[in-house]
Amino acid sequence: MAINVKTFKNSFLRTAPLILLIYICISEFHTQFYYWNIFSFNLQFIIIYYWILRDPSILGYGFVFLSGVINDVVLSIPLGTSSLSFLFVSLVAAYVRNATVRSSLFTDWFTFIVAILGGNLLTYFLIKNFSEMKVEYISVFYNSMFTFILYPAFWLIFELYKKTISLRTYD
């Protein structure tokens, strides 16, 4: 019985990033403060990029696509928009994982720029061409900037989480 509890606990702790990603997509999590209308960041990009880069067995590409569809339904934007941008971010992370020999915060952080810019460009290209929604380029810029700035903080949090539950890494 103790083995079953231990395996259940380990499997639950391994799926916590996936549960967090789906929760953020369902709850329409936005970090908009009332005093600073410019402060927003894309936590989904950070979660997807980090976990595909560090341990791809936790977030599969099917779950990334499904969370994008859930995000599209909740935000009422054309279906597949967030899914394609999330998959682009995971594609960049998978490429960086296979191309780098020694991964560090510095290399992860600066390759994250490509993922952010490509994901946001893809999202707003699809919204602009396939819907009637307005695109505010300055808010996209601020969102990208704060997502890039906050990546090291979340990298540290996820590294500590990984060490406390002793996940294997693909470094």
C-alpha atoms as a PDB file:
ATOM      1  CA  MET A   1       0.000   0.000   0.000  1.00  0.00           C
ATOM      2  CA  ALA A   2       2.870   2.375   0.778  1.00  0.00           C
ATOM      3  CA  ILE A   3       4.309   1.815  -2.682  1.00  0.00           C
ATOM      4  CA  ASN A   4       1.027   2.834  -4.283  1.00  0.00           C
ATOM      5  CA  VAL A   5       0.863   6.037  -2.256  1.00  0.00           C
ATOM      6  CA  LYS A   6       4.444   6.849  -3.130  1.00  0.00           C
ATOM      7  CA  THR A   7       3.920   6.264  -6.844  1.00  0.00           C
ATOM      8  CA  PHE A   8       0.706   8.291  -6.771  1.00  0.00           C
ATOM      9  CA  LYS A   9       2.502  11.156  -5.049  1.00  0.00           C
ATOM     10  CA  ASN A  10       5.371  11.054  -7.530  1.00  0.00           C
ATOM     11  CA  SER A  11       3.067  10.924 -10.533  1.00  0.00           C
ATOM     12  CA  PHE A  12       0.980  13.798  -9.156  1.00  0.00           C
ATOM     13  CA  LEU A  13       4.092  15.915  -8.565  1.00  0.00           C
ATOM     14  CA  ARG A  14       5.283  15.148 -12.090  1.00  0.00           C
ATOM     15  CA  THR A  15       1.990  16.305 -13.590  1.00  0.00           C
ATOM     16  CA  ALA A  16       1.796  19.505 -11.530  1.00  0.00           C
ATOM     17  CA  PRO A  17       3.249  21.682 -14.350  1.00  0.00           C
ATOM     18  CA  LEU A  18       0.650  20.264 -16.750  1.00  0.00           C
ATOM     19  CA  ILE A  19      -2.131  20.908 -14.252  1.00  0.00           C
ATOM     20  CA  LEU A  20      -0.839  24.455 -13.742  1.00  0.00           C
ATOM     21  CA  LEU A  21      -0.774  25.083 -17.501  1.00  0.00           C
ATOM     22  CA  ILE A  22      -4.319  23.839 -18.011  1.00  0.00           C
ATOM     23  CA  TYR A  23      -5.530  25.786 -14.974  1.00  0.00           C
ATOM     24  CA  ILE A  24      -3.998  28.996 -16.323  1.00  0.00           C
ATOM     25  CA  CYS A  25      -5.644  28.410 -19.695  1.00  0.00           C
ATOM     26  CA  ILE A  26      -9.046  27.708 -18.148  1.00  0.00           C
ATOM     27  CA  SER A  27      -9.005  30.493 -15.581  1.00  0.00           C
ATOM     28  CA  GLU A  28      -8.122  33.245 -18.087  1.00  0.00           C
ATOM     29  CA  PHE A  29      -5.141  34.196 -15.962  1.00  0.00           C
ATOM     30  CA  HIS A  30      -3.956  37.670 -16.825  1.00  0.00           C
ATOM     31  CA  THR A  31      -1.578  39.682 -14.761  1.00  0.00           C
ATOM     32  CA  GLN A  32      -3.021  43.115 -15.381  1.00  0.00           C
ATOM     33  CA  PHE A  33      -2.608  45.439 -12.444  1.00  0.00           C
ATOM     34  CA  TYR A  34      -4.922  48.398 -12.060  1.00  0.00           C
ATOM     35  CA  TYR A  35      -2.109  50.837 -11.416  1.00  0.00           C
ATOM     36  CA  TRP A  36       0.111  49.692 -14.281  1.00  0.00           C
ATOM     37  CA  ASN A  37      -1.889  48.858 -17.376  1.00  0.00           C
ATOM     38  CA  ILE A  38       1.289  47.958 -19.228  1.00  0.00           C
ATOM     39  CA  PHE A  39       2.337  45.075 -16.973  1.00  0.00           C
ATOM     40  CA  SER A  40       1.314  41.727 -18.391  1.00  0.00           C
ATOM     41  CA  PHE A  41       3.220  38.578 -19.184  1.00  0.00           C
ATOM     42  CA  ASN A  42       2.530  35.246 -20.808  1.00  0.00           C
ATOM     43  CA  LEU A  43       2.993  32.569 -18.177  1.00  0.00           C
ATOM     44  CA  GLN A  44       1.908  29.849 -20.597  1.00  0.00           C
ATOM     45  CA  PHE A  45       4.943  30.558 -22.809  1.00  0.00           C
ATOM     46  CA  ILE A  46       7.250  30.344 -19.792  1.00  0.00           C
ATOM     47  CA  ILE A  47       5.792  27.040 -18.588  1.00  0.00           C
ATOM     48  CA  ILE A  48       5.805  25.463 -22.037  1.00  0.00           C
ATOM     49  CA  TYR A  49       9.308  26.624 -22.914  1.00  0.00           C
ATOM     50  CA  TYR A  50      10.873  25.576 -19.614  1.00  0.00           C
ATOM     51  CA  TRP A  51       9.292  22.142 -19.317  1.00  0.00           C
ATOM     52  CA  ILE A  52       9.720  21.167 -22.974  1.00  0.00           C
ATOM     53  CA  LEU A  53      13.337  22.268 -22.674  1.00  0.00           C
ATOM     54  CA  ARG A  54      14.095  20.537 -19.358  1.00  0.00           C
ATOM     55  CA  ASP A  55      11.775  17.514 -19.194  1.00  0.00           C
ATOM     56  CA  PRO A  56       9.669  16.892 -22.300  1.00  0.00           C
ATOM     57  CA  SER A  57       7.993  13.846 -20.759  1.00  0.00           C
ATOM     58  CA  ILE A  58       5.928  16.120 -18.483  1.00  0.00           C
ATOM     59  CA  LEU A  59       4.349  18.291 -21.175  1.00  0.00           C
ATOM     60  CA  GLY A  60       3.606  16.410 -24.351  1.00  0.00           C
ATOM     61  CA  TYR A  61       2.847  18.181 -27.590  1.00  0.00           C
ATOM     62  CA  GLY A  62      -0.734  16.932 -27.513  1.00  0.00           C
ATOM     63  CA  PHE A  63      -1.267  18.539 -24.115  1.00  0.00           C
ATOM     64  CA  VAL A  64       0.321  21.751 -25.377  1.00  0.00           C
ATOM     65  CA  PHE A  65      -2.077  21.766 -28.331  1.00  0.00           C
ATOM     66  CA  LEU A  66      -5.067  20.965 -26.091  1.00  0.00           C
ATOM     67  CA  SER A  67      -4.194  23.772 -23.677  1.00  0.00           C
ATOM     68  CA  GLY A  68      -4.014  26.136 -26.655  1.00  0.00           C
ATOM     69  CA  VAL A  69      -7.489  25.093 -27.793  1.00  0.00           C
ATOM     70  CA  ILE A  70      -8.797  25.595 -24.251  1.00  0.00           C
ATOM     71  CA  ASN A  71      -7.162  29.037 -24.158  1.00  0.00           C
ATOM     72  CA  ASP A  72      -8.776  29.957 -27.494  1.00  0.00           C
ATOM     73  CA  VAL A  73     -12.224  28.923 -26.316  1.00  0.00           C
ATOM     74  CA  VAL A  74     -11.908  30.834 -23.043  1.00  0.00           C
ATOM     75  CA  LEU A  75     -10.560  34.000 -24.712  1.00  0.00           C
ATOM     76  CA  SER A  76     -12.967  33.620 -27.689  1.00  0.00           C
ATOM     77  CA  ILE A  77     -10.315  33.995 -30.346  1.00  0.00           C
ATOM     78  CA  PRO A  78     -10.173  31.854 -33.519  1.00  0.00           C
ATOM     79  CA  LEU A  79      -9.551  28.194 -32.739  1.00  0.00           C
ATOM     80  CA  GLY A  80      -5.991  27.092 -33.245  1.00  0.00           C
ATOM     81  CA  THR A  81      -4.382  30.497 -32.751  1.00  0.00           C
ATOM     82  CA  SER A  82      -2.978  29.847 -29.292  1.00  0.00           C
ATOM     83  CA  SER A  83      -2.333  26.222 -30.166  1.00  0.00           C
ATOM     84  CA  LEU A  84      -0.057  27.171 -33.050  1.00  0.00           C
ATOM     85  CA  SER A  85       1.795  29.742 -30.982  1.00  0.00           C
ATOM     86  CA  PHE A  86       2.227  27.284 -28.087  1.00  0.00           C
ATOM     87  CA  LEU A  87       3.482  24.654 -30.521  1.00  0.00           C
ATOM     88  CA  PHE A  88       5.940  27.162 -32.001  1.00  0.00           C
ATOM     89  CA  VAL A  89       7.307  27.869 -28.514  1.00  0.00           C
ATOM     90  CA  SER A  90       7.636  24.137 -27.873  1.00  0.00           C
ATOM     91  CA  LEU A  91       9.328  23.704 -31.270  1.00  0.00           C
ATOM     92  CA  VAL A  92      11.962  26.297 -30.369  1.00  0.00           C
ATOM     93  CA  ALA A  93      12.468  24.661 -26.972  1.00  0.00           C
ATOM     94  CA  ALA A  94      12.866  21.223 -28.539  1.00  0.00           C
ATOM     95  CA  TYR A  95      15.381  22.586 -31.032  1.00  0.00           C
ATOM     96  CA  VAL A  96      17.384  24.310 -28.282  1.00  0.00           C
ATOM     97  CA  ARG A  97      17.321  21.122 -26.180  1.00  0.00           C
ATOM     98  CA  ASN A  98      18.745  19.088 -29.067  1.00  0.00           C
ATOM     99  CA  ALA A  99      21.230  21.718 -30.290  1.00  0.00           C
ATOM    100  CA  THR A 100      22.903  22.799 -27.049  1.00  0.00           C
ATOM    101  CA  VAL A 101      25.517  20.765 -25.277  1.00  0.00           C
ATOM    102  CA  ARG A 102      25.407  22.454 -21.895  1.00  0.00           C
ATOM    103  CA  SER A 103      22.218  24.244 -20.994  1.00  0.00           C
ATOM    104  CA  SER A 104      22.227  27.142 -18.561  1.00  0.00           C
ATOM    105  CA  LEU A 105      19.977  29.997 -17.571  1.00  0.00           C
ATOM    106  CA  PHE A 106      21.858  32.380 -19.841  1.00  0.00           C
ATOM    107  CA  THR A 107      21.467  30.245 -22.979  1.00  0.00           C
ATOM    108  CA  ASP A 108      17.852  29.369 -22.162  1.00  0.00           C
ATOM    109  CA  TRP A 109      16.974  32.983 -21.516  1.00  0.00           C
ATOM    110  CA  PHE A 110      18.362  34.373 -24.730  1.00  0.00           C
ATOM    111  CA  THR A 111      16.941  31.639 -26.918  1.00  0.00           C
ATOM    112  CA  PHE A 112      13.593  32.306 -25.243  1.00  0.00           C
ATOM    113  CA  ILE A 113      13.505  35.631 -27.155  1.00  0.00           C
ATOM    114  CA  VAL A 114      13.057  33.738 -30.419  1.00  0.00           C
ATOM    115  CA  ALA A 115      10.229  31.700 -28.923  1.00  0.00           C
ATOM    116  CA  ILE A 116       8.430  34.763 -27.546  1.00  0.00           C
ATOM    117  CA  LEU A 117       8.756  36.815 -30.704  1.00  0.00           C
ATOM    118  CA  GLY A 118       7.769  33.958 -32.989  1.00  0.00           C
ATOM    119  CA  GLY A 119       4.833  32.896 -30.823  1.00  0.00           C
ATOM    120  CA  ASN A 120       3.464  36.419 -30.472  1.00  0.00           C
ATOM    121  CA  LEU A 121       4.046  37.177 -34.159  1.00  0.00           C
ATOM    122  CA  LEU A 122       2.170  34.042 -35.138  1.00  0.00           C
ATOM    123  CA  THR A 123      -0.681  34.791 -32.744  1.00  0.00           C
ATOM    124  CA  TYR A 124      -1.216  38.355 -33.836  1.00  0.00           C
ATOM    125  CA  PHE A 125      -0.740  37.530 -37.532  1.00  0.00           C
ATOM    126  CA  LEU A 126      -3.542  34.967 -37.281  1.00  0.00           C
ATOM    127  CA  ILE A 127      -5.770  37.300 -35.272  1.00  0.00           C
ATOM    128  CA  LYS A 128      -5.231  40.186 -37.659  1.00  0.00           C
ATOM    129  CA  ASN A 129      -5.852  38.146 -40.802  1.00  0.00           C
ATOM    130  CA  PHE A 130      -8.602  35.787 -39.680  1.00  0.00           C
ATOM    131  CA  SER A 131     -10.715  37.801 -37.244  1.00  0.00           C
ATOM    132  CA  GLU A 132     -12.166  41.232 -36.693  1.00  0.00           C
ATOM    133  CA  MET A 133     -10.321  41.826 -33.419  1.00  0.00           C
ATOM    134  CA  LYS A 134      -8.097  44.865 -32.965  1.00  0.00           C
ATOM    135  CA  VAL A 135      -4.380  44.316 -32.385  1.00  0.00           C
ATOM    136  CA  GLU A 136      -2.566  46.693 -30.047  1.00  0.00           C
ATOM    137  CA  TYR A 137       1.094  46.426 -30.941  1.00  0.00           C
ATOM    138  CA  ILE A 138       2.318  48.304 -27.886  1.00  0.00           C
ATOM    139  CA  SER A 139       0.596  45.841 -25.545  1.00  0.00           C
ATOM    140  CA  VAL A 140       2.184  42.960 -27.476  1.00  0.00           C
ATOM    141  CA  PHE A 141       5.562  44.632 -27.038  1.00  0.00           C
ATOM    142  CA  TYR A 142       5.070  45.122 -23.292  1.00  0.00           C
ATOM    143  CA  ASN A 143       3.801  41.557 -22.894  1.00  0.00           C
ATOM    144  CA  SER A 144       6.854  40.198 -24.715  1.00  0.00           C
ATOM    145  CA  MET A 145       9.231  42.390 -22.739  1.00  0.00           C
ATOM    146  CA  PHE A 146       7.856  41.430 -19.319  1.00  0.00           C
ATOM    147  CA  THR A 147       7.671  37.750 -20.302  1.00  0.00           C
ATOM    148  CA  PHE A 148      11.357  37.906 -21.226  1.00  0.00           C
ATOM    149  CA  ILE A 149      12.292  39.776 -18.036  1.00  0.00           C
ATOM    150  CA  LEU A 150      10.383  37.400 -15.734  1.00  0.00           C
ATOM    151  CA  TYR A 151      11.734  34.183 -17.284  1.00  0.00           C
ATOM    152  CA  PRO A 152      14.777  33.933 -14.937  1.00  0.00           C
ATOM    153  CA  ALA A 153      12.546  34.201 -11.860  1.00  0.00           C
ATOM    154  CA  PHE A 154      10.304  31.389 -13.043  1.00  0.00           C
ATOM    155  CA  TRP A 155      13.366  29.412 -14.180  1.00  0.00           C
ATOM    156  CA  LEU A 156      14.655  29.558 -10.617  1.00  0.00           C
ATOM    157  CA  ILE A 157      11.272  28.552  -9.161  1.00  0.00           C
ATOM    158  CA  PHE A 158      10.982  25.611 -11.554  1.00  0.00           C
ATOM    159  CA  GLU A 159      14.566  24.515 -10.871  1.00  0.00           C
ATOM    160  CA  LEU A 160      13.874  24.502  -7.131  1.00  0.00           C
ATOM    161  CA  TYR A 161      10.661  22.575  -7.732  1.00  0.00           C
ATOM    162  CA  LYS A 162      12.521  20.063  -9.864  1.00  0.00           C
ATOM    163  CA  LYS A 163      15.158  19.547  -7.188  1.00  0.00           C
ATOM    164  CA  THR A 164      12.644  19.137  -4.364  1.00  0.00           C
ATOM    165  CA  ILE A 165      10.728  16.423  -6.136  1.00  0.00           C
ATOM    166  CA  SER A 166      13.889  14.991  -7.737  1.00  0.00           C
ATOM    167  CA  LEU A 167      12.821  14.839 -11.375  1.00  0.00           C
ATOM    168  CA  ARG A 168      15.177  13.427 -13.919  1.00  0.00           C
ATOM    169  CA  THR A 169      16.541  15.908 -16.434  1.00  0.00           C
ATOM    170  CA  TYR A 170      17.446  15.677 -20.081  1.00  0.00           C
ATOM    171  CA  ASP A 171      20.441  18.023 -19.817  1.00  0.00           C
END
